[in-house]
PDB file of N, CA and C in Angstrom:
ATOM      1  N   UNK A   1      11.230  87.889 163.146  1.00  0.00           N
ATOM      2  CA  UNK A   1      12.045  87.257 162.827  1.00  0.00           C
ATOM      3  C   UNK A   1      13.282  87.096 163.909  1.00  0.00           C
ATOM      4  N   UNK A   2      13.609  88.079 164.250  1.00  0.00           N
ATOM      5  CA  UNK A   2      15.060  87.883 165.034  1.00  0.00           C
ATOM      6  C   UNK A   2      14.876  86.644 166.052  1.00  0.00           C
ATOM      7  N   UNK A   3      13.961  86.184 166.701  1.00  0.00           N
ATOM      8  CA  UNK A   3      13.780  85.169 167.390  1.00  0.00           C
ATOM      9  C   UNK A   3      13.811  83.830 166.667  1.00  0.00           C
ATOM     10  N   UNK A   4      13.005  83.739 165.192  1.00  0.00           N
ATOM     11  CA  UNK A   4      13.264  82.175 164.586  1.00  0.00           C
ATOM     12  C   UNK A   4      13.337  82.139 163.298  1.00  0.00           C
ATOM     13  N   UNK A   5      14.239  83.480 162.831  1.00  0.00           N
ATOM     14  CA  UNK A   5      14.502  83.671 161.645  1.00  0.00           C
ATOM     15  C   UNK A   5      15.607  82.432 161.443  1.00  0.00           C
ATOM     16  N   UNK A   6      15.564  82.453 160.288  1.00  0.00           N
ATOM     17  CA  UNK A   6      16.751  81.349 159.662  1.00  0.00           C
ATOM     18  C   UNK A   6      16.330  79.869 159.508  1.00  0.00           C
ATOM     19  N   UNK A   7      17.091  79.403 159.127  1.00  0.00           N
ATOM     20  CA  UNK A   7      16.822  77.781 158.420  1.00  0.00           C
ATOM     21  C   UNK A   7      16.243  76.756 159.863  1.00  0.00           C
ATOM     22  N   UNK A   8      16.753  76.755 161.137  1.00  0.00           N
ATOM     23  CA  UNK A   8      16.844  75.660 161.837  1.00  0.00           C
ATOM     24  C   UNK A   8      16.140  76.282 162.987  1.00  0.00           C
ATOM     25  N   UNK A   9      16.125  77.416 163.568  1.00  0.00           N
ATOM     26  CA  UNK A   9      15.494  77.850 164.454  1.00  0.00           C
ATOM     27  C   UNK A   9      13.844  77.161 164.659  1.00  0.00           C
ATOM     28  N   UNK A  10      12.908  77.459 164.152  1.00  0.00           N
ATOM     29  CA  UNK A  10      11.517  76.960 164.211  1.00  0.00           C
ATOM     30  C   UNK A  10      11.525  75.522 163.975  1.00  0.00           C
ATOM     31  N   UNK A  11      12.252  74.658 163.294  1.00  0.00           N
ATOM     32  CA  UNK A  11      12.512  73.405 163.531  1.00  0.00           C
ATOM     33  C   UNK A  11      12.980  73.157 164.824  1.00  0.00           C
ATOM     34  N   UNK A  12      13.952  73.459 165.439  1.00  0.00           N
ATOM     35  CA  UNK A  12      14.180  73.216 166.476  1.00  0.00           C
ATOM     36  C   UNK A  12      13.317  73.597 167.876  1.00  0.00           C
ATOM     37  N   UNK A  13      12.692  74.511 167.745  1.00  0.00           N
ATOM     38  CA  UNK A  13      11.399  75.010 168.425  1.00  0.00           C
ATOM     39  C   UNK A  13      10.222  73.864 168.585  1.00  0.00           C
ATOM     40  N   UNK A  14       9.802  73.450 167.414  1.00  0.00           N
ATOM     41  CA  UNK A  14       8.832  72.539 166.791  1.00  0.00           C
ATOM     42  C   UNK A  14       9.287  71.099 167.819  1.00  0.00           C
ATOM     43  N   UNK A  15      10.431  70.548 167.565  1.00  0.00           N
ATOM     44  CA  UNK A  15      10.988  69.828 168.461  1.00  0.00           C
ATOM     45  C   UNK A  15      10.799  69.384 169.973  1.00  0.00           C
ATOM     46  N   UNK A  16      11.042  71.289 170.645  1.00  0.00           N
ATOM     47  CA  UNK A  16      11.055  70.875 171.799  1.00  0.00           C
ATOM     48  C   UNK A  16       9.696  71.577 172.424  1.00  0.00           C
ATOM     49  N   UNK A  17       8.525  71.425 172.022  1.00  0.00           N
ATOM     50  CA  UNK A  17       7.156  71.127 172.815  1.00  0.00           C
ATOM     51  C   UNK A  17       7.273  70.232 173.585  1.00  0.00           C
ATOM     52  N   UNK A  18       8.055  69.046 173.971  1.00  0.00           N
ATOM     53  CA  UNK A  18       8.584  68.461 174.903  1.00  0.00           C
ATOM     54  C   UNK A  18       9.916  68.784 175.170  1.00  0.00           C
ATOM     55  N   UNK A  19      10.606  68.509 176.314  1.00  0.00           N
ATOM     56  CA  UNK A  19      11.630  68.600 176.790  1.00  0.00           C
ATOM     57  C   UNK A  19      12.503  67.579 176.318  1.00  0.00           C
ATOM     58  N   UNK A  20      13.393  68.131 175.890  1.00  0.00           N
ATOM     59  CA  UNK A  20      14.712  67.265 175.325  1.00  0.00           C
ATOM     60  C   UNK A  20      16.176  67.056 175.916  1.00  0.00           C
ATOM     61  N   UNK A  21      17.107  66.107 175.662  1.00  0.00           N
ATOM     62  CA  UNK A  21      18.113  66.083 175.720  1.00  0.00           C
ATOM     63  C   UNK A  21      18.958  66.462 174.284  1.00  0.00           C
ATOM     64  N   UNK A  22      20.233  66.953 174.423  1.00  0.00           N
ATOM     65  CA  UNK A  22      20.996  67.356 173.021  1.00  0.00           C
ATOM     66  C   UNK A  22      20.719  66.238 171.657  1.00  0.00           C
ATOM     67  N   UNK A  23      20.825  64.952 172.510  1.00  0.00           N
ATOM     68  CA  UNK A  23      21.107  63.698 171.555  1.00  0.00           C
ATOM     69  C   UNK A  23      20.347  63.599 170.770  1.00  0.00           C
ATOM     70  N   UNK A  24      18.738  63.825 171.703  1.00  0.00           N
ATOM     71  CA  UNK A  24      17.408  63.551 171.034  1.00  0.00           C
ATOM     72  C   UNK A  24      17.371  64.512 169.838  1.00  0.00           C
ATOM     73  N   UNK A  25      17.349  65.757 170.508  1.00  0.00           N
ATOM     74  CA  UNK A  25      17.136  66.940 169.143  1.00  0.00           C
ATOM     75  C   UNK A  25      18.253  66.667 168.187  1.00  0.00           C
ATOM     76  N   UNK A  26      19.633  66.163 168.229  1.00  0.00           N
ATOM     77  CA  UNK A  26      20.530  65.669 167.164  1.00  0.00           C
ATOM     78  C   UNK A  26      19.627  64.555 166.375  1.00  0.00           C
ATOM     79  N   UNK A  27      19.120  63.648 166.859  1.00  0.00           N
ATOM     80  CA  UNK A  27      18.477  62.585 166.016  1.00  0.00           C
ATOM     81  C   UNK A  27      17.260  62.986 165.252  1.00  0.00           C
ATOM     82  N   UNK A  28      16.434  63.938 166.355  1.00  0.00           N
ATOM     83  CA  UNK A  28      15.214  64.665 164.987  1.00  0.00           C
ATOM     84  C   UNK A  28      15.689  65.616 164.367  1.00  0.00           C
ATOM     85  N   UNK A  29      16.964  66.152 164.063  1.00  0.00           N
ATOM     86  CA  UNK A  29      16.983  67.015 163.286  1.00  0.00           C
ATOM     87  C   UNK A  29      18.449  66.397 162.469  1.00  0.00           C
ATOM     88  N   UNK A  30      18.097  65.716 162.190  1.00  0.00           N
ATOM     89  CA  UNK A  30      19.146  64.767 161.123  1.00  0.00           C
ATOM     90  C   UNK A  30      20.263  65.388 160.613  1.00  0.00           C
ATOM     91  N   UNK A  31      19.853  66.358 159.376  1.00  0.00           N
ATOM     92  CA  UNK A  31      20.409  67.001 158.275  1.00  0.00           C
ATOM     93  C   UNK A  31      21.515  68.169 159.091  1.00  0.00           C
ATOM     94  N   UNK A  32      20.844  69.054 160.685  1.00  0.00           N
ATOM     95  CA  UNK A  32      21.862  69.932 160.982  1.00  0.00           C
ATOM     96  C   UNK A  32      23.308  69.438 161.526  1.00  0.00           C
ATOM     97  N   UNK A  33      24.186  70.205 161.393  1.00  0.00           N
ATOM     98  CA  UNK A  33      25.567  70.186 161.800  1.00  0.00           C
ATOM     99  C   UNK A  33      25.425  70.013 163.585  1.00  0.00           C
ATOM    100  N   UNK A  34      26.021  69.389 164.181  1.00  0.00           N
ATOM    101  CA  UNK A  34      26.328  69.670 165.722  1.00  0.00           C
ATOM    102  C   UNK A  34      26.839  71.079 165.695  1.00  0.00           C
ATOM    103  N   UNK A  35      28.093  71.587 165.106  1.00  0.00           N
ATOM    104  CA  UNK A  35      27.922  73.360 165.417  1.00  0.00           C
ATOM    105  C   UNK A  35      26.752  74.207 164.931  1.00  0.00           C
ATOM    106  N   UNK A  36      25.960  73.860 164.400  1.00  0.00           N
ATOM    107  CA  UNK A  36      24.845  74.950 164.177  1.00  0.00           C
ATOM    108  C   UNK A  36      23.877  74.290 164.987  1.00  0.00           C
ATOM    109  N   UNK A  37      23.784  73.339 165.436  1.00  0.00           N
ATOM    110  CA  UNK A  37      22.806  73.054 166.347  1.00  0.00           C
ATOM    111  C   UNK A  37      23.255  73.503 167.608  1.00  0.00           C
ATOM    112  N   UNK A  38      24.443  73.235 168.271  1.00  0.00           N
ATOM    113  CA  UNK A  38      24.669  74.310 169.193  1.00  0.00           C
ATOM    114  C   UNK A  38      24.654  75.827 169.340  1.00  0.00           C
ATOM    115  N   UNK A  39      24.950  76.311 167.975  1.00  0.00           N
ATOM    116  CA  UNK A  39      25.017  77.688 167.855  1.00  0.00           C
ATOM    117  C   UNK A  39      23.419  78.516 168.164  1.00  0.00           C
ATOM    118  N   UNK A  40      22.498  77.744 167.176  1.00  0.00           N
ATOM    119  CA  UNK A  40      21.427  77.401 167.808  1.00  0.00           C
ATOM    120  C   UNK A  40      20.721  77.935 168.863  1.00  0.00           C
ATOM    121  N   UNK A  41      21.063  76.629 169.577  1.00  0.00           N
ATOM    122  CA  UNK A  41      20.227  76.649 170.936  1.00  0.00           C
ATOM    123  C   UNK A  41      20.849  77.603 171.980  1.00  0.00           C
ATOM    124  N   UNK A  42      22.165  77.996 171.713  1.00  0.00           N
ATOM    125  CA  UNK A  42      22.704  79.155 172.385  1.00  0.00           C
ATOM    126  C   UNK A  42      22.352  80.358 172.105  1.00  0.00           C
ATOM    127  N   UNK A  43      22.080  80.770 170.975  1.00  0.00           N
ATOM    128  CA  UNK A  43      20.954  81.965 170.357  1.00  0.00           C
ATOM    129  C   UNK A  43      19.477  82.119 171.484  1.00  0.00           C
ATOM    130  N   UNK A  44      19.011  80.971 170.795  1.00  0.00           N
ATOM    131  CA  UNK A  44      17.656  80.819 171.560  1.00  0.00           C
ATOM    132  C   UNK A  44      17.494  80.933 172.813  1.00  0.00           C
ATOM    133  N   UNK A  45      18.706  80.481 173.610  1.00  0.00           N
ATOM    134  CA  UNK A  45      18.825  80.432 175.518  1.00  0.00           C
ATOM    135  C   UNK A  45      18.725  82.069 175.634  1.00  0.00           C
ATOM    136  N   UNK A  46      20.116  82.809 174.840  1.00  0.00           N
ATOM    137  CA  UNK A  46      20.274  84.011 175.148  1.00  0.00           C
ATOM    138  C   UNK A  46      18.954  84.724 174.902  1.00  0.00           C
ATOM    139  N   UNK A  47      17.816  84.362 173.909  1.00  0.00           N
ATOM    140  CA  UNK A  47      16.784  84.963 173.711  1.00  0.00           C
ATOM    141  C   UNK A  47      15.764  85.013 174.509  1.00  0.00           C
ATOM    142  N   UNK A  48      16.199  83.700 175.541  1.00  0.00           N
ATOM    143  CA  UNK A  48      15.092  83.703 176.366  1.00  0.00           C
ATOM    144  C   UNK A  48      13.908  82.965 175.602  1.00  0.00           C
ATOM    145  N   UNK A  49      14.290  81.888 174.742  1.00  0.00           N
ATOM    146  CA  UNK A  49      13.164  81.241 174.145  1.00  0.00           C
ATOM    147  C   UNK A  49      13.284  79.664 174.756  1.00  0.00           C
ATOM    148  N   UNK A  50      14.486  79.449 175.361  1.00  0.00           N
ATOM    149  CA  UNK A  50      14.584  77.828 175.787  1.00  0.00           C
ATOM    150  C   UNK A  50      15.472  77.848 176.852  1.00  0.00           C
ATOM    151  N   UNK A  51      15.518  76.817 177.491  1.00  0.00           N
ATOM    152  CA  UNK A  51      15.726  76.947 178.952  1.00  0.00           C
ATOM    153  C   UNK A  51      16.696  75.919 179.162  1.00  0.00           C
ATOM    154  N   UNK A  52      18.312  75.981 179.554  1.00  0.00           N
ATOM    155  CA  UNK A  52      19.228  74.705 179.465  1.00  0.00           C
ATOM    156  C   UNK A  52      19.229  74.233 180.991  1.00  0.00           C
ATOM    157  N   UNK A  53      19.296  72.776 181.304  1.00  0.00           N
ATOM    158  CA  UNK A  53      19.471  72.326 182.379  1.00  0.00           C
ATOM    159  C   UNK A  53      20.871  71.539 182.453  1.00  0.00           C
ATOM    160  N   UNK A  54      21.483  71.712 183.061  1.00  0.00           N
ATOM    161  CA  UNK A  54      22.957  70.681 183.026  1.00  0.00           C
ATOM    162  C   UNK A  54      22.453  69.836 184.468  1.00  0.00           C
ATOM    163  N   UNK A  55      22.466  68.627 184.116  1.00  0.00           N
ATOM    164  CA  UNK A  55      22.498  67.570 185.546  1.00  0.00           C
ATOM    165  C   UNK A  55      24.084  67.354 185.743  1.00  0.00           C
ATOM    166  N   UNK A  56      24.306  67.612 186.696  1.00  0.00           N
ATOM    167  CA  UNK A  56      25.719  67.045 187.148  1.00  0.00           C
ATOM    168  C   UNK A  56      25.791  65.688 188.549  1.00  0.00           C
ATOM    169  N   UNK A  57      24.603  65.517 188.428  1.00  0.00           N
ATOM    170  CA  UNK A  57      24.629  64.733 189.545  1.00  0.00           C
ATOM    171  C   UNK A  57      25.011  63.293 189.111  1.00  0.00           C
ATOM    172  N   UNK A  58      25.249  63.302 187.780  1.00  0.00           N
ATOM    173  CA  UNK A  58      25.135  61.630 187.388  1.00  0.00           C
ATOM    174  C   UNK A  58      26.448  62.028 186.130  1.00  0.00           C
ATOM    175  N   UNK A  59      27.643  61.036 185.840  1.00  0.00           N
ATOM    176  CA  UNK A  59      28.384  61.270 184.777  1.00  0.00           C
ATOM    177  C   UNK A  59      27.944  60.139 183.927  1.00  0.00           C
ATOM    178  N   UNK A  60      27.637  60.469 182.292  1.00  0.00           N
ATOM    179  CA  UNK A  60      28.286  61.884 182.010  1.00  0.00           C
ATOM    180  C   UNK A  60      27.372  62.254 182.434  1.00  0.00           C
ATOM    181  N   UNK A  61      27.711  63.964 181.817  1.00  0.00           N
ATOM    182  CA  UNK A  61      26.686  65.165 182.159  1.00  0.00           C
ATOM    183  C   UNK A  61      25.695  64.802 181.136  1.00  0.00           C
ATOM    184  N   UNK A  62      24.569  65.516 182.131  1.00  0.00           N
ATOM    185  CA  UNK A  62      23.354  65.381 180.947  1.00  0.00           C
ATOM    186  C   UNK A  62      22.287  67.038 180.926  1.00  0.00           C
ATOM    187  N   UNK A  63      22.348  67.430 179.454  1.00  0.00           N
ATOM    188  CA  UNK A  63      21.596  68.847 179.119  1.00  0.00           C
ATOM    189  C   UNK A  63      20.480  68.387 178.647  1.00  0.00           C
ATOM    190  N   UNK A  64      19.442  69.020 179.524  1.00  0.00           N
ATOM    191  CA  UNK A  64      17.969  69.087 179.007  1.00  0.00           C
ATOM    192  C   UNK A  64      17.924  70.585 178.109  1.00  0.00           C
ATOM    193  N   UNK A  65      16.973  70.733 177.581  1.00  0.00           N
ATOM    194  CA  UNK A  65      16.139  71.982 176.564  1.00  0.00           C
ATOM    195  C   UNK A  65      14.976  71.959 176.735  1.00  0.00           C
ATOM    196  N   UNK A  66      14.332  72.832 177.117  1.00  0.00           N
ATOM    197  CA  UNK A  66      12.854  73.569 176.918  1.00  0.00           C
ATOM    198  C   UNK A  66      12.460  74.351 176.882  1.00  0.00           C
ATOM    199  N   UNK A  67      11.214  74.697 176.303  1.00  0.00           N
ATOM    200  CA  UNK A  67      10.925  75.827 175.906  1.00  0.00           C
ATOM    201  C   UNK A  67      10.860  76.363 177.347  1.00  0.00           C
ATOM    202  N   UNK A  68      10.678  78.027 177.483  1.00  0.00           N
ATOM    203  CA  UNK A  68      10.708  78.668 178.462  1.00  0.00           C
ATOM    204  C   UNK A  68       9.238  79.370 178.417  1.00  0.00           C
ATOM    205  N   UNK A  69       8.371  79.817 179.125  1.00  0.00           N
ATOM    206  CA  UNK A  69       7.138  80.525 179.244  1.00  0.00           C
ATOM    207  C   UNK A  69       6.997  81.669 178.426  1.00  0.00           C
ATOM    208  N   UNK A  70       8.113  82.254 177.603  1.00  0.00           N
ATOM    209  CA  UNK A  70       8.138  82.891 176.842  1.00  0.00           C
ATOM    210  C   UNK A  70       8.338  82.478 175.266  1.00  0.00           C
ATOM    211  N   UNK A  71       9.321  81.345 175.131  1.00  0.00           N
ATOM    212  CA  UNK A  71       9.130  80.509 173.893  1.00  0.00           C
ATOM    213  C   UNK A  71       8.087  79.723 173.789  1.00  0.00           C
ATOM    214  N   UNK A  72       7.237  79.461 174.843  1.00  0.00           N
ATOM    215  CA  UNK A  72       5.712  78.793 174.846  1.00  0.00           C
ATOM    216  C   UNK A  72       4.804  79.682 173.779  1.00  0.00           C
ATOM    217  N   UNK A  73       5.184  80.865 173.952  1.00  0.00           N
ATOM    218  CA  UNK A  73       4.311  81.736 173.310  1.00  0.00           C
ATOM    219  C   UNK A  73       4.287  81.665 171.685  1.00  0.00           C
ATOM    220  N   UNK A  74       5.701  80.885 171.554  1.00  0.00           N
ATOM    221  CA  UNK A  74       5.657  80.928 169.737  1.00  0.00           C
ATOM    222  C   UNK A  74       4.596  79.640 169.620  1.00  0.00           C
ATOM    223  N   UNK A  75       4.164  78.635 170.142  1.00  0.00           N
ATOM    224  CA  UNK A  75       3.603  77.705 169.750  1.00  0.00           C
ATOM    225  C   UNK A  75       2.411  78.106 168.952  1.00  0.00           C
ATOM    226  N   UNK A  76       1.328  78.908 169.014  1.00  0.00           N
ATOM    227  CA  UNK A  76       0.444  79.023 167.952  1.00  0.00           C
ATOM    228  C   UNK A  76       0.879  79.204 166.368  1.00  0.00           C
ATOM    229  N   UNK A  77       2.253  80.296 166.805  1.00  0.00           N
ATOM    230  CA  UNK A  77       2.566  80.854 165.601  1.00  0.00           C
ATOM    231  C   UNK A  77       3.399  79.682 164.903  1.00  0.00           C
ATOM    232  N   UNK A  78       4.070  78.871 165.459  1.00  0.00           N
ATOM    233  CA  UNK A  78       4.658  77.754 164.767  1.00  0.00           C
ATOM    234  C   UNK A  78       3.777  76.797 164.206  1.00  0.00           C
ATOM    235  N   UNK A  79       2.747  76.277 164.975  1.00  0.00           N
ATOM    236  CA  UNK A  79       1.681  75.578 164.393  1.00  0.00           C
ATOM    237  C   UNK A  79       0.834  76.247 163.301  1.00  0.00           C
ATOM    238  N   UNK A  80       0.948  77.146 163.385  1.00  0.00           N
ATOM    239  CA  UNK A  80       0.050  78.145 162.126  1.00  0.00           C
ATOM    240  C   UNK A  80       1.098  77.754 160.745  1.00  0.00           C
ATOM    241  N   UNK A  81       2.244  78.021 161.413  1.00  0.00           N
ATOM    242  CA  UNK A  81       3.331  77.754 159.661  1.00  0.00           C
ATOM    243  C   UNK A  81       3.102  76.619 159.657  1.00  0.00           C
ATOM    244  N   UNK A  82       3.260  75.356 160.410  1.00  0.00           N
ATOM    245  CA  UNK A  82       2.815  74.185 160.274  1.00  0.00           C
ATOM    246  C   UNK A  82       2.118  73.671 159.170  1.00  0.00           C
ATOM    247  N   UNK A  83       0.716  74.279 159.939  1.00  0.00           N
ATOM    248  CA  UNK A  83      -0.592  74.040 158.731  1.00  0.00           C
ATOM    249  C   UNK A  83      -0.427  74.754 157.473  1.00  0.00           C
ATOM    250  N   UNK A  84       0.168  75.708 157.193  1.00  0.00           N
ATOM    251  CA  UNK A  84       0.602  76.882 156.255  1.00  0.00           C
ATOM    252  C   UNK A  84       1.127  75.866 154.954  1.00  0.00           C
ATOM    253  N   UNK A  85       2.267  75.066 155.851  1.00  0.00           N
ATOM    254  CA  UNK A  85       2.999  74.691 155.162  1.00  0.00           C
ATOM    255  C   UNK A  85       2.321  72.807 154.280  1.00  0.00           C
ATOM    256  N   UNK A  86       1.591  72.718 155.176  1.00  0.00           N
ATOM    257  CA  UNK A  86       0.664  71.345 154.990  1.00  0.00           C
ATOM    258  C   UNK A  86      -0.121  72.027 154.015  1.00  0.00           C
ATOM    259  N   UNK A  87      -0.712  72.784 153.608  1.00  0.00           N
ATOM    260  CA  UNK A  87      -1.493  73.241 152.498  1.00  0.00           C
ATOM    261  C   UNK A  87      -0.965  73.594 151.532  1.00  0.00           C
ATOM    262  N   UNK A  88       0.038  74.158 151.491  1.00  0.00           N
ATOM    263  CA  UNK A  88       1.043  74.487 150.483  1.00  0.00           C
ATOM    264  C   UNK A  88       1.356  73.776 149.694  1.00  0.00           C
ATOM    265  N   UNK A  89       2.028  72.637 150.329  1.00  0.00           N
ATOM    266  CA  UNK A  89       2.452  71.149 149.944  1.00  0.00           C
ATOM    267  C   UNK A  89       1.272  70.945 148.892  1.00  0.00           C
ATOM    268  N   UNK A  90      -0.172  70.269 149.788  1.00  0.00           N
ATOM    269  CA  UNK A  90      -0.785  70.063 148.923  1.00  0.00           C
ATOM    270  C   UNK A  90      -1.434  70.598 147.420  1.00  0.00           C
ATOM    271  N   UNK A  91      -0.945  72.147 147.806  1.00  0.00           N
ATOM    272  CA  UNK A  91      -1.415  73.342 146.350  1.00  0.00           C
ATOM    273  C   UNK A  91      -0.505  72.353 145.510  1.00  0.00           C
ATOM    274  N   UNK A  92       0.628  72.590 145.753  1.00  0.00           N
ATOM    275  CA  UNK A  92       1.513  72.344 144.977  1.00  0.00           C
ATOM    276  C   UNK A  92       1.475  71.029 144.398  1.00  0.00           C
ATOM    277  N   UNK A  93       1.017  69.757 145.179  1.00  0.00           N
ATOM    278  CA  UNK A  93       1.177  68.788 144.565  1.00  0.00           C
ATOM    279  C   UNK A  93      -0.110  68.895 143.351  1.00  0.00           C
ATOM    280  N   UNK A  94      -1.354  69.592 143.750  1.00  0.00           N
ATOM    281  CA  UNK A  94      -2.620  69.617 142.670  1.00  0.00           C
ATOM    282  C   UNK A  94      -1.813  70.375 141.400  1.00  0.00           C
ATOM    283  N   UNK A  95      -1.348  71.310 141.611  1.00  0.00           N
ATOM    284  CA  UNK A  95      -0.566  72.238 140.602  1.00  0.00           C
ATOM    285  C   UNK A  95       0.325  71.493 139.821  1.00  0.00           C
ATOM    286  N   UNK A  96       1.095  70.715 140.365  1.00  0.00           N
ATOM    287  CA  UNK A  96       2.126  69.798 139.246  1.00  0.00           C
ATOM    288  C   UNK A  96       1.367  68.528 138.804  1.00  0.00           C
ATOM    289  N   UNK A  97       0.080  67.942 139.573  1.00  0.00           N
ATOM    290  CA  UNK A  97      -0.132  67.088 139.017  1.00  0.00           C
ATOM    291  C   UNK A  97      -1.419  67.715 137.593  1.00  0.00           C
ATOM    292  N   UNK A  98      -1.533  68.920 137.898  1.00  0.00           N
ATOM    293  CA  UNK A  98      -2.576  69.487 136.724  1.00  0.00           C
ATOM    294  C   UNK A  98      -1.636  69.746 135.688  1.00  0.00           C
ATOM    295  N   UNK A  99      -0.236  70.343 135.812  1.00  0.00           N
ATOM    296  CA  UNK A  99       0.670  70.335 134.815  1.00  0.00           C
ATOM    297  C   UNK A  99       1.378  69.393 134.070  1.00  0.00           C
ATOM    298  N   UNK A 100       1.517  68.226 134.921  1.00  0.00           N
ATOM    299  CA  UNK A 100       1.429  66.945 134.250  1.00  0.00           C
ATOM    300  C   UNK A 100       0.636  66.440 133.451  1.00  0.00           C
ATOM    301  N   UNK A 101      -0.831  66.598 133.603  1.00  0.00           N
ATOM    302  CA  UNK A 101      -1.991  66.187 132.753  1.00  0.00           C
ATOM    303  C   UNK A 101      -2.051  66.968 131.713  1.00  0.00           C
ATOM    304  N   UNK A 102      -1.778  68.646 131.845  1.00  0.00           N
ATOM    305  CA  UNK A 102      -1.691  69.181 130.682  1.00  0.00           C
ATOM    306  C   UNK A 102      -0.823  68.744 129.126  1.00  0.00           C
ATOM    307  N   UNK A 103       0.780  68.456 130.072  1.00  0.00           N
ATOM    308  CA  UNK A 103       1.626  68.383 129.412  1.00  0.00           C
ATOM    309  C   UNK A 103       2.059  67.027 128.166  1.00  0.00           C
ATOM    310  N   UNK A 104       1.113  66.310 129.069  1.00  0.00           N
ATOM    311  CA  UNK A 104       0.838  64.958 128.339  1.00  0.00           C
ATOM    312  C   UNK A 104      -0.206  64.934 127.132  1.00  0.00           C
ATOM    313  N   UNK A 105      -1.211  65.956 127.411  1.00  0.00           N
ATOM    314  CA  UNK A 105      -2.071  65.740 126.360  1.00  0.00           C
ATOM    315  C   UNK A 105      -1.895  66.592 125.185  1.00  0.00           C
ATOM    316  N   UNK A 106      -0.930  67.281 125.542  1.00  0.00           N
ATOM    317  CA  UNK A 106      -0.338  68.212 124.169  1.00  0.00           C
ATOM    318  C   UNK A 106       0.731  67.653 123.114  1.00  0.00           C
TER     319      UNK A 106
END
């Protein structure tokens, strides 16, 4: 949990299945603040999950983020969590529908 704990790390990692620039991540994680995104990226870089590459050859500077080999070992886990989330959402919908039907018949 040290590596993926918290509200945003798993979300960010899911978006980094492909190399992304900071602004691309920011757009895909709309409700995250810039400060939180920056902090989470720094923590994951320090943990060896992501690689940060700064391109200084052109102005303005461009920064790419991508999963390291170690970070890629999380892909099966993240996929399993995403699948569990989809199944849980389906169960929740059925439970809510059943509850609504019972409420309206009584």
